[in-house]
N, C-alpha and C. Protein backbone atom coordinates (compact mmCIF):
# COMPACT_ATOMS: atom_id res chain seq x y z
N MET A 1 -19.23 11.24 -74.01
CA MET A 1 -18.57 12.05 -73.02
C MET A 1 -18.94 11.59 -71.60
N LYS A 2 -20.19 11.15 -71.45
CA LYS A 2 -20.63 10.69 -70.15
C LYS A 2 -19.83 9.46 -69.74
N PHE A 3 -19.47 8.62 -70.68
CA PHE A 3 -18.70 7.42 -70.38
C PHE A 3 -17.33 7.77 -69.79
N ILE A 4 -16.69 8.80 -70.36
CA ILE A 4 -15.37 9.23 -69.87
C ILE A 4 -15.48 9.77 -68.45
N MET A 5 -16.52 10.54 -68.17
CA MET A 5 -16.69 11.11 -66.83
C MET A 5 -16.95 10.00 -65.80
N GLU A 6 -17.76 9.01 -66.18
CA GLU A 6 -18.01 7.90 -65.27
C GLU A 6 -16.75 7.08 -65.02
N PHE A 7 -15.97 6.88 -66.09
CA PHE A 7 -14.72 6.15 -65.95
C PHE A 7 -13.75 6.89 -65.03
N ALA A 8 -13.62 8.21 -65.22
CA ALA A 8 -12.71 9.02 -64.40
C ALA A 8 -13.17 9.02 -62.94
N GLU A 9 -14.47 9.15 -62.74
CA GLU A 9 -14.99 9.16 -61.37
C GLU A 9 -14.74 7.81 -60.68
N ASP A 10 -14.98 6.73 -61.40
CA ASP A 10 -14.75 5.40 -60.85
C ASP A 10 -13.26 5.18 -60.53
N LEU A 11 -12.40 5.66 -61.43
CA LEU A 11 -10.95 5.53 -61.22
C LEU A 11 -10.51 6.31 -59.98
N ILE A 12 -11.00 7.52 -59.85
CA ILE A 12 -10.64 8.35 -58.70
C ILE A 12 -11.13 7.71 -57.40
N LEU A 13 -12.34 7.20 -57.41
CA LEU A 13 -12.89 6.58 -56.20
C LEU A 13 -12.12 5.32 -55.82
N ARG A 14 -11.66 4.56 -56.82
CA ARG A 14 -10.88 3.36 -56.52
C ARG A 14 -9.50 3.71 -55.96
N LEU A 15 -8.94 4.83 -56.43
CA LEU A 15 -7.61 5.22 -55.96
C LEU A 15 -7.65 5.89 -54.58
N MET A 16 -8.79 6.43 -54.21
CA MET A 16 -8.89 7.11 -52.91
C MET A 16 -8.87 6.09 -51.77
N GLU A 17 -8.35 6.53 -50.65
CA GLU A 17 -8.33 5.67 -49.47
C GLU A 17 -9.70 5.71 -48.79
N ASP A 18 -9.97 4.66 -48.09
CA ASP A 18 -11.17 4.62 -47.28
C ASP A 18 -10.92 5.52 -46.06
N PRO A 19 -11.76 6.51 -45.80
CA PRO A 19 -11.49 7.42 -44.68
C PRO A 19 -11.44 6.71 -43.33
N VAL A 20 -12.25 5.69 -43.15
CA VAL A 20 -12.24 4.96 -41.88
C VAL A 20 -10.92 4.20 -41.73
N GLU A 21 -10.48 3.57 -42.81
CA GLU A 21 -9.21 2.83 -42.78
C GLU A 21 -8.03 3.78 -42.57
N ARG A 22 -8.06 4.93 -43.25
CA ARG A 22 -7.00 5.92 -43.11
C ARG A 22 -6.93 6.42 -41.67
N ASP A 23 -8.10 6.69 -41.08
CA ASP A 23 -8.14 7.17 -39.70
C ASP A 23 -7.62 6.10 -38.74
N ARG A 24 -7.94 4.84 -38.98
CA ARG A 24 -7.46 3.76 -38.12
C ARG A 24 -5.94 3.64 -38.19
N HIS A 25 -5.38 3.72 -39.39
CA HIS A 25 -3.91 3.66 -39.54
C HIS A 25 -3.25 4.84 -38.83
N PHE A 26 -3.85 6.03 -38.97
CA PHE A 26 -3.28 7.21 -38.33
C PHE A 26 -3.29 7.06 -36.81
N ARG A 27 -4.40 6.58 -36.26
CA ARG A 27 -4.50 6.41 -34.80
C ARG A 27 -3.51 5.36 -34.30
N GLU A 28 -3.37 4.26 -35.03
CA GLU A 28 -2.40 3.23 -34.63
C GLU A 28 -0.99 3.80 -34.59
N ARG A 29 -0.64 4.56 -35.61
CA ARG A 29 0.70 5.16 -35.67
C ARG A 29 0.88 6.16 -34.53
N LEU A 30 -0.14 6.98 -34.30
CA LEU A 30 -0.06 7.99 -33.24
C LEU A 30 0.10 7.34 -31.87
N TYR A 31 -0.66 6.29 -31.60
CA TYR A 31 -0.55 5.60 -30.31
C TYR A 31 0.80 4.90 -30.16
N ALA A 32 1.33 4.38 -31.26
CA ALA A 32 2.65 3.74 -31.21
C ALA A 32 3.73 4.77 -30.88
N VAL A 33 3.64 5.95 -31.49
CA VAL A 33 4.62 7.01 -31.20
C VAL A 33 4.48 7.47 -29.76
N LYS A 34 3.24 7.59 -29.29
CA LYS A 34 3.01 8.02 -27.90
C LYS A 34 3.60 7.02 -26.92
N ASP A 35 3.40 5.72 -27.17
CA ASP A 35 3.97 4.69 -26.29
C ASP A 35 5.50 4.72 -26.32
N ARG A 36 6.06 4.94 -27.50
CA ARG A 36 7.52 5.02 -27.62
C ARG A 36 8.06 6.22 -26.86
N CYS A 37 7.36 7.36 -26.94
CA CYS A 37 7.79 8.55 -26.21
C CYS A 37 7.68 8.34 -24.70
N LYS A 38 6.61 7.68 -24.27
CA LYS A 38 6.45 7.41 -22.84
C LYS A 38 7.57 6.50 -22.34
N LYS A 39 7.90 5.49 -23.12
CA LYS A 39 8.98 4.58 -22.74
C LYS A 39 10.32 5.33 -22.68
N THR A 40 10.55 6.22 -23.64
CA THR A 40 11.79 7.00 -23.66
C THR A 40 11.88 7.89 -22.43
N LYS A 41 10.79 8.55 -22.07
CA LYS A 41 10.79 9.41 -20.88
C LYS A 41 11.05 8.60 -19.61
N GLU A 42 10.49 7.39 -19.53
CA GLU A 42 10.75 6.54 -18.37
C GLU A 42 12.22 6.14 -18.31
N MET A 43 12.80 5.85 -19.46
CA MET A 43 14.21 5.48 -19.49
C MET A 43 15.10 6.66 -19.11
N TRP A 44 14.70 7.85 -19.50
CA TRP A 44 15.49 9.04 -19.14
C TRP A 44 15.46 9.30 -17.64
N SER A 45 14.39 8.91 -16.97
CA SER A 45 14.30 9.16 -15.54
C SER A 45 15.15 8.17 -14.74
N LEU A 46 15.57 7.08 -15.36
CA LEU A 46 16.41 6.10 -14.67
C LEU A 46 17.87 6.55 -14.68
N PRO A 47 18.66 6.09 -13.72
CA PRO A 47 20.10 6.40 -13.78
C PRO A 47 20.74 5.74 -14.99
N LEU A 48 21.90 6.26 -15.37
CA LEU A 48 22.56 5.73 -16.56
C LEU A 48 22.99 4.29 -16.38
N ARG A 49 23.36 3.94 -15.20
CA ARG A 49 23.81 2.57 -14.93
C ARG A 49 22.90 1.98 -13.86
N PRO A 50 22.65 0.70 -13.90
CA PRO A 50 21.79 0.09 -12.88
C PRO A 50 22.47 0.09 -11.52
N TYR A 51 21.67 -0.11 -10.48
CA TYR A 51 22.19 -0.12 -9.12
C TYR A 51 23.24 -1.21 -8.97
N GLY A 52 24.38 -0.86 -8.42
CA GLY A 52 25.45 -1.82 -8.19
C GLY A 52 26.36 -2.03 -9.39
N PHE A 53 26.17 -1.26 -10.46
CA PHE A 53 26.97 -1.46 -11.67
C PHE A 53 28.45 -1.24 -11.39
N TRP A 54 28.76 -0.20 -10.62
CA TRP A 54 30.17 0.15 -10.40
C TRP A 54 30.80 -0.72 -9.33
N THR A 55 30.06 -1.61 -8.70
CA THR A 55 30.66 -2.49 -7.70
C THR A 55 31.11 -3.81 -8.30
N PHE A 56 30.93 -3.97 -9.60
CA PHE A 56 31.38 -5.21 -10.24
C PHE A 56 32.89 -5.30 -10.16
N GLU A 57 33.40 -6.49 -10.13
CA GLU A 57 34.83 -6.73 -9.96
C GLU A 57 35.65 -6.10 -11.07
N ARG A 58 35.16 -6.11 -12.29
CA ARG A 58 35.96 -5.57 -13.40
C ARG A 58 36.15 -4.06 -13.27
N HIS A 59 35.22 -3.36 -12.60
CA HIS A 59 35.38 -1.93 -12.42
C HIS A 59 36.25 -1.61 -11.20
N ASN A 60 36.22 -2.48 -10.21
CA ASN A 60 36.99 -2.23 -9.00
C ASN A 60 38.41 -2.74 -9.09
N ALA A 61 38.75 -3.50 -10.10
CA ALA A 61 40.10 -4.06 -10.21
C ALA A 61 41.13 -2.95 -10.30
N GLN A 62 40.88 -1.94 -11.11
CA GLN A 62 41.84 -0.84 -11.24
C GLN A 62 41.90 -0.03 -9.96
N ILE A 63 40.75 0.19 -9.33
CA ILE A 63 40.72 0.99 -8.11
C ILE A 63 41.52 0.30 -7.00
N PHE A 64 41.35 -1.00 -6.87
CA PHE A 64 42.07 -1.72 -5.82
C PHE A 64 43.56 -1.80 -6.10
N SER A 65 43.94 -1.85 -7.37
CA SER A 65 45.35 -2.00 -7.69
C SER A 65 46.11 -0.68 -7.60
N ASP A 66 45.46 0.45 -7.81
CA ASP A 66 46.13 1.74 -7.79
C ASP A 66 45.87 2.40 -6.44
N SER A 67 46.91 2.60 -5.66
CA SER A 67 46.73 3.12 -4.30
C SER A 67 46.26 4.57 -4.29
N LYS A 68 46.66 5.36 -5.30
CA LYS A 68 46.19 6.75 -5.34
C LYS A 68 44.68 6.81 -5.53
N ILE A 69 44.17 5.96 -6.40
CA ILE A 69 42.73 5.96 -6.65
C ILE A 69 41.98 5.35 -5.48
N SER A 70 42.49 4.28 -4.92
CA SER A 70 41.75 3.58 -3.87
C SER A 70 41.69 4.38 -2.58
N GLN A 71 42.64 5.27 -2.35
CA GLN A 71 42.64 6.08 -1.13
C GLN A 71 42.06 7.47 -1.36
N ALA A 72 41.49 7.72 -2.53
CA ALA A 72 40.90 9.03 -2.81
C ALA A 72 39.68 9.24 -1.92
N GLN A 73 39.41 10.53 -1.67
CA GLN A 73 38.28 10.86 -0.82
C GLN A 73 36.99 10.37 -1.49
N GLY A 74 36.15 9.71 -0.73
CA GLY A 74 34.91 9.16 -1.26
C GLY A 74 35.03 7.70 -1.65
N ARG A 75 36.25 7.23 -1.92
CA ARG A 75 36.45 5.82 -2.25
C ARG A 75 37.04 5.06 -1.07
N ARG A 76 37.59 5.79 -0.15
CA ARG A 76 38.25 5.16 0.99
C ARG A 76 37.20 4.55 1.90
N ASP A 77 37.49 3.40 2.41
CA ASP A 77 36.57 2.72 3.32
C ASP A 77 36.62 3.44 4.67
N PRO A 78 35.50 3.93 5.19
CA PRO A 78 35.53 4.67 6.46
C PRO A 78 35.98 3.81 7.63
N TYR A 79 35.82 2.52 7.53
CA TYR A 79 36.25 1.65 8.63
C TYR A 79 37.77 1.51 8.68
N ASP A 80 38.46 1.79 7.58
CA ASP A 80 39.92 1.76 7.61
C ASP A 80 40.47 2.78 8.60
N ASP A 81 39.88 3.98 8.61
CA ASP A 81 40.32 5.02 9.54
C ASP A 81 40.08 4.58 10.99
N LEU A 82 38.93 3.97 11.23
CA LEU A 82 38.64 3.52 12.59
C LEU A 82 39.62 2.45 13.04
N LEU A 83 39.95 1.54 12.14
CA LEU A 83 40.88 0.47 12.50
C LEU A 83 42.29 0.99 12.72
N GLN A 84 42.68 2.03 12.00
CA GLN A 84 44.02 2.59 12.17
C GLN A 84 44.13 3.38 13.47
N ASN A 85 43.03 4.00 13.91
CA ASN A 85 43.06 4.82 15.11
C ASN A 85 42.88 4.01 16.39
N VAL A 86 42.40 2.79 16.30
CA VAL A 86 42.21 1.96 17.49
C VAL A 86 43.56 1.39 17.90
N PRO A 87 43.96 1.61 19.15
CA PRO A 87 45.24 1.03 19.58
C PRO A 87 45.12 -0.49 19.67
N ASN A 88 46.02 -1.16 19.04
CA ASN A 88 46.02 -2.62 19.04
C ASN A 88 46.89 -3.08 20.21
N THR A 89 46.28 -3.64 21.22
CA THR A 89 47.00 -4.02 22.44
C THR A 89 47.91 -5.21 22.21
N SER A 90 47.55 -6.11 21.33
CA SER A 90 48.38 -7.29 21.13
C SER A 90 49.69 -6.92 20.43
N THR A 91 49.68 -5.99 19.49
CA THR A 91 50.92 -5.62 18.82
C THR A 91 51.78 -4.73 19.72
N SER A 92 51.14 -3.85 20.49
CA SER A 92 51.94 -3.00 21.37
C SER A 92 52.56 -3.83 22.49
N HIS A 93 51.86 -4.83 22.95
CA HIS A 93 52.39 -5.69 24.01
C HIS A 93 53.56 -6.52 23.48
N SER A 94 53.41 -7.07 22.29
CA SER A 94 54.49 -7.90 21.75
C SER A 94 55.69 -7.04 21.39
N SER A 95 55.45 -5.80 20.96
CA SER A 95 56.59 -4.95 20.63
C SER A 95 57.31 -4.51 21.90
N SER A 96 56.56 -4.29 22.99
CA SER A 96 57.23 -3.89 24.23
C SER A 96 58.02 -5.05 24.81
N THR A 97 57.53 -6.25 24.65
CA THR A 97 58.28 -7.38 25.16
C THR A 97 59.50 -7.64 24.29
N SER A 98 59.38 -7.37 23.00
CA SER A 98 60.53 -7.61 22.14
C SER A 98 61.61 -6.56 22.38
N THR A 99 61.23 -5.34 22.78
CA THR A 99 62.22 -4.31 23.06
C THR A 99 62.89 -4.55 24.40
N SER A 100 62.18 -5.19 25.33
CA SER A 100 62.76 -5.42 26.65
C SER A 100 63.76 -6.57 26.63
N LYS A 101 63.69 -7.43 25.64
CA LYS A 101 64.60 -8.56 25.60
C LYS A 101 65.96 -8.17 25.20
């Protein structure tokens, strides 16, 4: 009977994990998850698109081609208004001379 108990005890001890090894694996996994969570939080704090993403030509092609979109508030170039409001002396002069002829 003693032989069976020794055999069972030896079998159980061989099947058990080493507590130091188990703890090391657990800590490695825990630190990996923590690093992944930290990286995810950093990514969440960034904007969805990188700086200048919407200024690429492929995104602006539709805006430039469609006059309703390109003249929408917030997309309109503020310098366009300034250029339209400035009296152009060369065109007014040429038009006045053309009307006098």
